[in-house]
Amino acid sequence: MDRRFLTVVGVSLLFALVISGIFYQLVAARRGSSRPQRSEMREVVVATKPLSLGRAIKAEDVSLVKVPVDQFPQGGFSKVAEIIERPVISSVLAGEPVREGRLGARGSGLGLASIIPVGMRAVAVRVNDVGGVAGFVLPGIRVDVLVTGRPPGREGTITKTALQNILVLSAGQNIEPDARGQPINTPVVTLLVTPEQAETLTLAGNEGRIQLVLRNSGDQSVQATSGREVAELYGLPRASAAKPEPTVARRASAPKPAPVVAPPPPATEEIVVIRGNQRTVEVVRAHKAEVGQP
C-alpha cells in the first residue's frame, strides 16, 4: 500500500479520537450538572388544624414537617416547645407554618386580652339594633362613635362625632367575623381605644346616647365636624350657648379733693408821669374800699 495513504488514514483516526474524547467530556459534564442536588432540610412547626384568635396552642394543635433550608419561613419555629401555651393573636390556617407574628407572649392572657396591643384599652359599649348598625358591626372593622345629648348651658339637643376610626375587637363574645359574613346581633360591642379615648367613650355612654357609624377600613382620614343641633333640622339658625353676664366688681373710690383755685391777681392801675421832657408810666396797686368806707 501507498505509505502516503496510510499516513492520511492514521492522522484522520487520531483526529477522530481526539474529537470524540472532547465531545464525551462535554456530554458527561452536562449530565452531571443536570442531576438534582440534595439540599439540606430543616424542621418547621405547622398547624394541624385551624387556630382561632385567643386560644392557647396545645401540643396536639401542631406538628413538625421538613422543608428545604432556603424555604424556611421567616419567624418560624423548629421546636414545638417554643410555642406551647402561647396565645394566638392572628388566625392560623391548617397546614400553615406558625410564625412569631401570629402569637402573643406566654402569660399575656387568653381570649380578648391576648389581642390588645400594649398601651391600648378595650372598652365595651352597649348598643341596640340601630346603634349596632343592624348587627353589621363585626370584629375587625372600623367605626365612628356619635354621641347625642344636651350639653351644659344649651337648651337643645346636639349630635357630635366623639371618636373616629375606631377598631372593633369583638361583637359580643365573638372576636372573629362570621365566616359567611352574616351579621352578629349582640347588645355589646368592644372597641379598641387609647386611655384618653376610653374616658371619652365612657363619658359619652353615661351622659348621652351612643351611635356607631360604619366606615371603610381603608379610610384613615379624620374629619373635623361641628355637630348638629335640633334647630338646624328645621332650617333654623344654631342656638347660641347661654353666656352668663360678666360681673364687674366695683370698688368704692375715695372722694376726690376739690380743685384748688388760685386767687385772682390784685388789680393794678397805670399812672403816666411827665417830668420835664421825660414821660414814664408807673404801675400802682388799687386798694379795695372797705365796706362802709367812703
Protein backbone atom coordinates (compact mmCIF):
# COMPACT_ATOMS: atom_id res chain seq x y z
CA MET A 1 0.00 0.00 0.00
CA ASP A 2 0.98 3.54 -0.54
CA ARG A 3 2.74 4.93 2.52
CA ARG A 4 1.14 8.36 1.95
CA PHE A 5 -2.33 6.81 2.06
CA LEU A 6 -1.58 5.07 5.35
CA THR A 7 -0.32 8.31 6.86
CA VAL A 8 -3.51 10.16 5.93
CA VAL A 9 -5.67 7.37 7.37
CA GLY A 10 -3.72 7.34 10.64
CA VAL A 11 -3.91 11.10 11.09
CA SER A 12 -7.64 11.00 10.39
CA LEU A 13 -8.21 8.31 13.02
CA LEU A 14 -6.18 10.20 15.59
CA PHE A 15 -8.13 13.39 14.91
CA ALA A 16 -11.43 11.49 15.21
CA LEU A 17 -10.39 10.04 18.58
CA VAL A 18 -9.49 13.49 19.91
CA ILE A 19 -12.82 15.00 18.80
CA SER A 20 -14.76 12.06 20.28
CA GLY A 21 -12.96 12.45 23.63
CA ILE A 22 -13.75 16.17 23.83
CA PHE A 23 -17.41 15.60 22.93
CA TYR A 24 -17.73 12.83 25.56
CA GLN A 25 -16.35 15.07 28.30
CA LEU A 26 -18.77 17.86 27.40
CA VAL A 27 -21.77 15.50 27.47
CA ALA A 28 -20.68 13.95 30.77
CA ALA A 29 -20.24 17.37 32.39
CA ARG A 30 -23.71 18.47 31.24
CA ARG A 31 -25.34 15.29 32.58
CA GLY A 32 -23.61 15.79 35.92
CA SER A 33 -24.84 19.37 36.27
CA SER A 34 -28.45 18.43 35.39
CA ARG A 35 -28.73 15.88 38.21
CA PRO A 36 -30.76 17.28 41.17
CA GLN A 37 -28.59 18.11 44.11
CA ARG A 38 -29.84 17.04 47.50
CA SER A 39 -30.41 20.22 49.60
CA GLU A 40 -30.22 20.42 53.38
CA MET A 41 -33.58 20.04 55.18
CA ARG A 42 -34.90 21.67 58.35
CA GLU A 43 -37.94 21.03 60.52
CA VAL A 44 -40.66 23.69 60.89
CA VAL A 45 -43.74 23.81 63.13
CA VAL A 46 -47.07 23.87 61.22
CA ALA A 47 -50.67 23.86 62.42
CA THR A 48 -52.57 20.59 62.16
CA LYS A 49 -55.95 22.40 62.49
CA PRO A 50 -57.22 25.97 62.15
CA LEU A 51 -56.09 28.05 65.13
CA SER A 52 -58.56 30.80 66.07
CA LEU A 53 -57.89 34.04 67.92
CA GLY A 54 -57.38 33.98 71.64
CA ARG A 55 -56.77 30.25 72.12
CA ALA A 56 -53.62 28.81 73.67
CA ILE A 57 -51.64 26.42 71.47
CA LYS A 58 -51.53 22.79 72.64
CA ALA A 59 -49.14 20.06 71.56
CA GLU A 60 -51.85 18.31 69.52
CA ASP A 61 -52.53 21.53 67.54
CA VAL A 62 -49.17 21.49 65.72
CA SER A 63 -46.67 19.11 64.15
CA LEU A 64 -43.18 19.15 62.61
CA VAL A 65 -42.55 18.88 58.88
CA LYS A 66 -39.28 19.10 56.95
CA VAL A 67 -38.66 21.82 54.39
CA PRO A 68 -35.54 22.93 52.49
CA VAL A 69 -33.42 25.37 54.43
CA ASP A 70 -33.87 28.05 51.80
CA GLN A 71 -37.68 27.71 52.14
CA PHE A 72 -37.80 28.01 55.94
CA PRO A 73 -40.39 30.75 56.72
CA GLN A 74 -39.23 33.94 58.37
CA GLY A 75 -40.27 33.98 62.01
CA GLY A 76 -40.95 30.22 62.00
CA PHE A 77 -40.21 27.74 64.78
CA SER A 78 -38.21 24.50 64.76
CA LYS A 79 -39.33 23.24 68.19
CA VAL A 80 -42.89 22.65 69.40
CA ALA A 81 -41.92 23.53 72.97
CA GLU A 82 -41.28 27.14 71.86
CA ILE A 83 -44.96 27.81 71.15
CA ILE A 84 -46.84 25.67 73.69
CA GLU A 85 -49.36 27.73 75.78
CA ARG A 86 -48.76 30.88 73.74
CA PRO A 87 -51.97 32.68 72.70
CA VAL A 88 -52.94 33.12 69.05
CA ILE A 89 -53.37 36.80 68.11
CA SER A 90 -53.85 36.22 64.37
CA SER A 91 -55.69 33.26 62.87
CA VAL A 92 -53.56 30.39 61.51
CA LEU A 93 -54.84 28.02 58.81
CA ALA A 94 -54.37 24.26 58.86
CA GLY A 95 -51.00 23.31 57.33
CA GLU A 96 -49.68 26.86 57.64
CA PRO A 97 -46.33 27.42 59.39
CA VAL A 98 -46.72 29.06 62.79
CA ARG A 99 -44.88 32.38 62.85
CA GLU A 100 -43.79 34.67 65.65
CA GLY A 101 -46.04 37.48 64.48
CA ARG A 102 -49.14 35.29 64.90
CA LEU A 103 -48.55 34.58 68.58
CA GLY A 104 -48.65 36.60 71.78
CA ALA A 105 -46.20 36.38 74.64
CA ARG A 106 -46.61 33.46 77.03
CA GLY A 107 -48.59 34.62 80.06
CA SER A 108 -50.13 37.67 78.32
CA GLY A 109 -53.62 36.23 78.80
CA LEU A 110 -56.12 34.34 76.72
CA GLY A 111 -59.16 35.34 74.75
CA LEU A 112 -59.72 39.04 74.13
CA ALA A 113 -56.94 40.16 76.49
CA SER A 114 -54.30 38.46 74.35
CA ILE A 115 -55.02 40.60 71.26
CA ILE A 116 -54.96 44.01 72.99
CA PRO A 117 -51.73 45.82 72.00
CA VAL A 118 -49.55 47.28 74.72
CA GLY A 119 -50.71 50.78 75.66
CA MET A 120 -54.26 50.29 74.32
CA ARG A 121 -57.55 49.52 76.07
CA ALA A 122 -60.68 47.51 75.25
CA VAL A 123 -63.97 49.21 76.17
CA ALA A 124 -67.38 47.53 75.92
CA VAL A 125 -70.22 49.66 74.54
CA ARG A 126 -73.91 48.73 74.88
CA VAL A 127 -75.80 49.13 71.59
CA ASN A 128 -79.18 48.21 70.16
CA ASP A 129 -80.20 47.18 66.64
CA VAL A 130 -79.86 50.78 65.47
CA GLY A 131 -76.71 51.69 67.41
CA GLY A 132 -75.07 48.44 66.33
CA VAL A 133 -75.91 49.08 62.64
CA ALA A 134 -78.24 46.07 62.47
CA GLY A 135 -75.56 43.61 63.54
CA PHE A 136 -73.03 44.53 60.86
CA VAL A 137 -70.54 45.89 63.39
CA LEU A 138 -68.23 42.89 63.06
CA PRO A 139 -64.79 42.22 64.61
CA GLY A 140 -62.01 43.78 62.57
CA ILE A 141 -63.97 46.65 61.00
CA ARG A 142 -63.65 50.34 61.90
CA VAL A 143 -66.36 52.69 63.09
CA ASP A 144 -67.02 56.27 64.19
CA VAL A 145 -68.73 56.97 67.51
CA LEU A 146 -71.50 59.59 67.64
CA VAL A 147 -72.97 60.89 70.88
CA THR A 148 -76.36 62.63 71.21
CA GLY A 149 -77.22 64.67 74.30
CA ARG A 150 -77.79 68.10 75.79
CA PRO A 151 -74.56 69.96 76.59
CA PRO A 152 -74.38 72.16 79.71
CA GLY A 153 -75.66 75.67 79.05
CA ARG A 154 -77.65 74.60 75.97
CA GLU A 155 -81.41 74.28 75.65
CA GLY A 156 -81.49 71.97 72.62
CA THR A 157 -80.11 68.51 71.83
CA ILE A 158 -76.93 68.17 69.77
CA THR A 159 -75.26 65.25 67.98
CA LYS A 160 -71.47 65.29 67.78
CA THR A 161 -68.83 62.88 66.46
CA ALA A 162 -66.86 61.95 69.58
CA LEU A 163 -64.38 59.40 68.15
CA GLN A 164 -63.32 58.41 64.64
CA ASN A 165 -61.59 55.42 63.00
CA ILE A 166 -62.00 53.07 65.98
CA LEU A 167 -61.25 49.33 65.59
CA VAL A 168 -63.91 46.82 66.68
CA LEU A 169 -62.34 43.99 68.69
CA SER A 170 -65.41 41.86 69.28
CA ALA A 171 -69.16 41.69 68.82
CA GLY A 172 -70.49 40.11 71.98
CA GLN A 173 -68.21 37.17 72.70
CA ASN A 174 -67.16 36.75 69.08
CA ILE A 175 -63.67 38.02 68.37
CA GLU A 176 -63.69 36.79 64.77
CA PRO A 177 -66.14 37.76 61.99
CA ASP A 178 -68.64 35.21 60.75
CA ALA A 179 -67.12 33.01 58.03
CA ARG A 180 -70.12 33.69 55.78
CA GLY A 181 -70.17 37.42 56.51
CA GLN A 182 -73.51 37.20 58.33
CA PRO A 183 -74.44 39.97 60.82
CA ILE A 184 -73.89 39.32 64.52
CA ASN A 185 -76.78 40.58 66.64
CA THR A 186 -75.39 41.43 70.06
CA PRO A 187 -76.14 44.09 72.69
CA VAL A 188 -72.46 44.74 73.42
CA VAL A 189 -69.58 45.76 71.13
CA THR A 190 -65.97 46.03 72.32
CA LEU A 191 -63.80 48.79 70.84
CA LEU A 192 -60.01 49.21 70.86
CA VAL A 193 -59.10 52.70 72.10
CA THR A 194 -56.38 54.67 73.84
CA PRO A 195 -56.74 55.52 77.57
CA GLU A 196 -57.89 59.06 76.69
CA GLN A 197 -60.44 57.73 74.18
CA ALA A 198 -61.67 55.27 76.81
CA GLU A 199 -62.53 58.21 79.07
CA THR A 200 -64.37 59.97 76.25
CA LEU A 201 -66.29 56.83 75.33
CA THR A 202 -67.33 56.12 78.93
CA LEU A 203 -68.48 59.69 79.49
CA ALA A 204 -70.45 59.67 76.23
CA GLY A 205 -72.23 56.46 77.22
CA ASN A 206 -73.18 57.82 80.63
CA GLU A 207 -74.23 61.34 79.58
CA GLY A 208 -75.85 60.70 76.19
CA ARG A 209 -76.84 58.11 73.60
CA ILE A 210 -74.16 56.38 71.50
CA GLN A 211 -74.49 55.55 67.81
CA LEU A 212 -71.86 53.58 65.85
CA VAL A 213 -71.28 54.50 62.20
CA LEU A 214 -69.65 52.11 59.74
CA ARG A 215 -66.73 53.34 57.64
CA ASN A 216 -64.38 51.92 55.02
CA SER A 217 -61.49 50.18 56.79
CA GLY A 218 -59.09 51.64 54.23
CA ASP A 219 -60.21 55.18 55.03
CA GLN A 220 -57.84 56.53 57.71
CA SER A 221 -58.87 60.18 57.46
CA VAL A 222 -60.29 62.15 60.40
CA GLN A 223 -62.91 64.79 59.59
CA ALA A 224 -63.45 67.89 61.72
CA THR A 225 -67.18 68.31 62.38
CA SER A 226 -69.10 70.98 64.29
CA GLY A 227 -72.03 68.78 65.29
CA ARG A 228 -75.74 69.23 64.53
CA GLU A 229 -78.43 70.86 66.62
CA VAL A 230 -82.18 70.24 66.56
CA ALA A 231 -82.88 73.75 65.26
CA GLU A 232 -80.77 73.09 62.15
CA LEU A 233 -83.02 70.17 61.16
CA TYR A 234 -85.83 72.68 60.60
CA GLY A 235 -83.72 75.28 58.80
CA LEU A 236 -83.36 77.50 61.86
CA PRO A 237 -80.10 79.12 62.95
CA ARG A 238 -77.97 77.42 65.56
CA ALA A 239 -78.94 78.22 69.12
CA SER A 240 -76.18 80.15 70.82
CA ALA A 241 -74.98 78.96 74.16
CA ALA A 242 -76.27 80.94 77.13
CA LYS A 243 -73.43 83.00 78.43
CA PRO A 244 -73.62 84.49 81.93
CA GLU A 245 -73.25 88.21 82.09
CA PRO A 246 -69.85 89.21 83.35
CA THR A 247 -69.82 90.54 86.86
CA VAL A 248 -67.62 93.56 87.38
CA ALA A 249 -66.58 94.25 90.93
CA ARG A 250 -66.75 97.93 91.72
CA ARG A 251 -64.54 99.33 94.40
CA ALA A 252 -65.62 102.39 96.42
CA SER A 253 -63.38 105.17 95.33
CA ALA A 254 -62.21 107.82 97.79
CA PRO A 255 -63.78 111.27 97.32
CA LYS A 256 -61.70 113.41 95.08
CA PRO A 257 -60.40 116.61 96.70
CA ALA A 258 -61.81 119.87 95.45
CA PRO A 259 -59.54 121.62 92.99
CA VAL A 260 -57.55 124.46 94.47
CA VAL A 261 -58.42 127.73 92.75
CA ALA A 262 -55.68 130.32 92.83
CA PRO A 263 -56.82 133.78 93.95
CA PRO A 264 -57.05 136.34 91.18
CA PRO A 265 -54.11 138.70 90.89
CA PRO A 266 -54.57 142.07 92.61
CA ALA A 267 -55.93 144.85 90.45
CA THR A 268 -53.36 147.34 89.18
CA GLU A 269 -53.52 150.82 87.72
CA GLU A 270 -51.13 152.67 85.41
CA ILE A 271 -50.16 156.35 86.01
CA VAL A 272 -48.39 158.41 83.41
CA VAL A 273 -45.84 160.76 84.99
CA ILE A 274 -44.29 163.61 82.94
CA ARG A 275 -41.15 165.20 84.34
CA GLY A 276 -39.90 167.93 82.03
CA ASN A 277 -39.31 166.25 78.74
CA GLN A 278 -39.42 162.70 80.24
CA ARG A 279 -42.56 160.65 80.21
CA THR A 280 -42.84 157.48 82.37
CA VAL A 281 -45.58 155.00 83.24
CA GLU A 282 -45.82 153.76 86.79
CA VAL A 283 -47.97 150.83 87.99
CA VAL A 284 -49.64 151.06 91.37
CA ARG A 285 -51.99 148.64 93.17
CA ALA A 286 -55.58 149.60 93.61
CA HIS A 287 -56.84 149.24 97.18
CA LYS A 288 -60.36 147.93 97.68
CA ALA A 289 -62.53 150.23 99.65
CA GLU A 290 -63.73 148.57 102.84
CA VAL A 291 -67.43 148.22 103.29
CA GLY A 292 -68.84 151.25 104.93
CA GLN A 293 -65.90 153.44 103.96
CA PRO A 294 -66.34 156.35 101.54
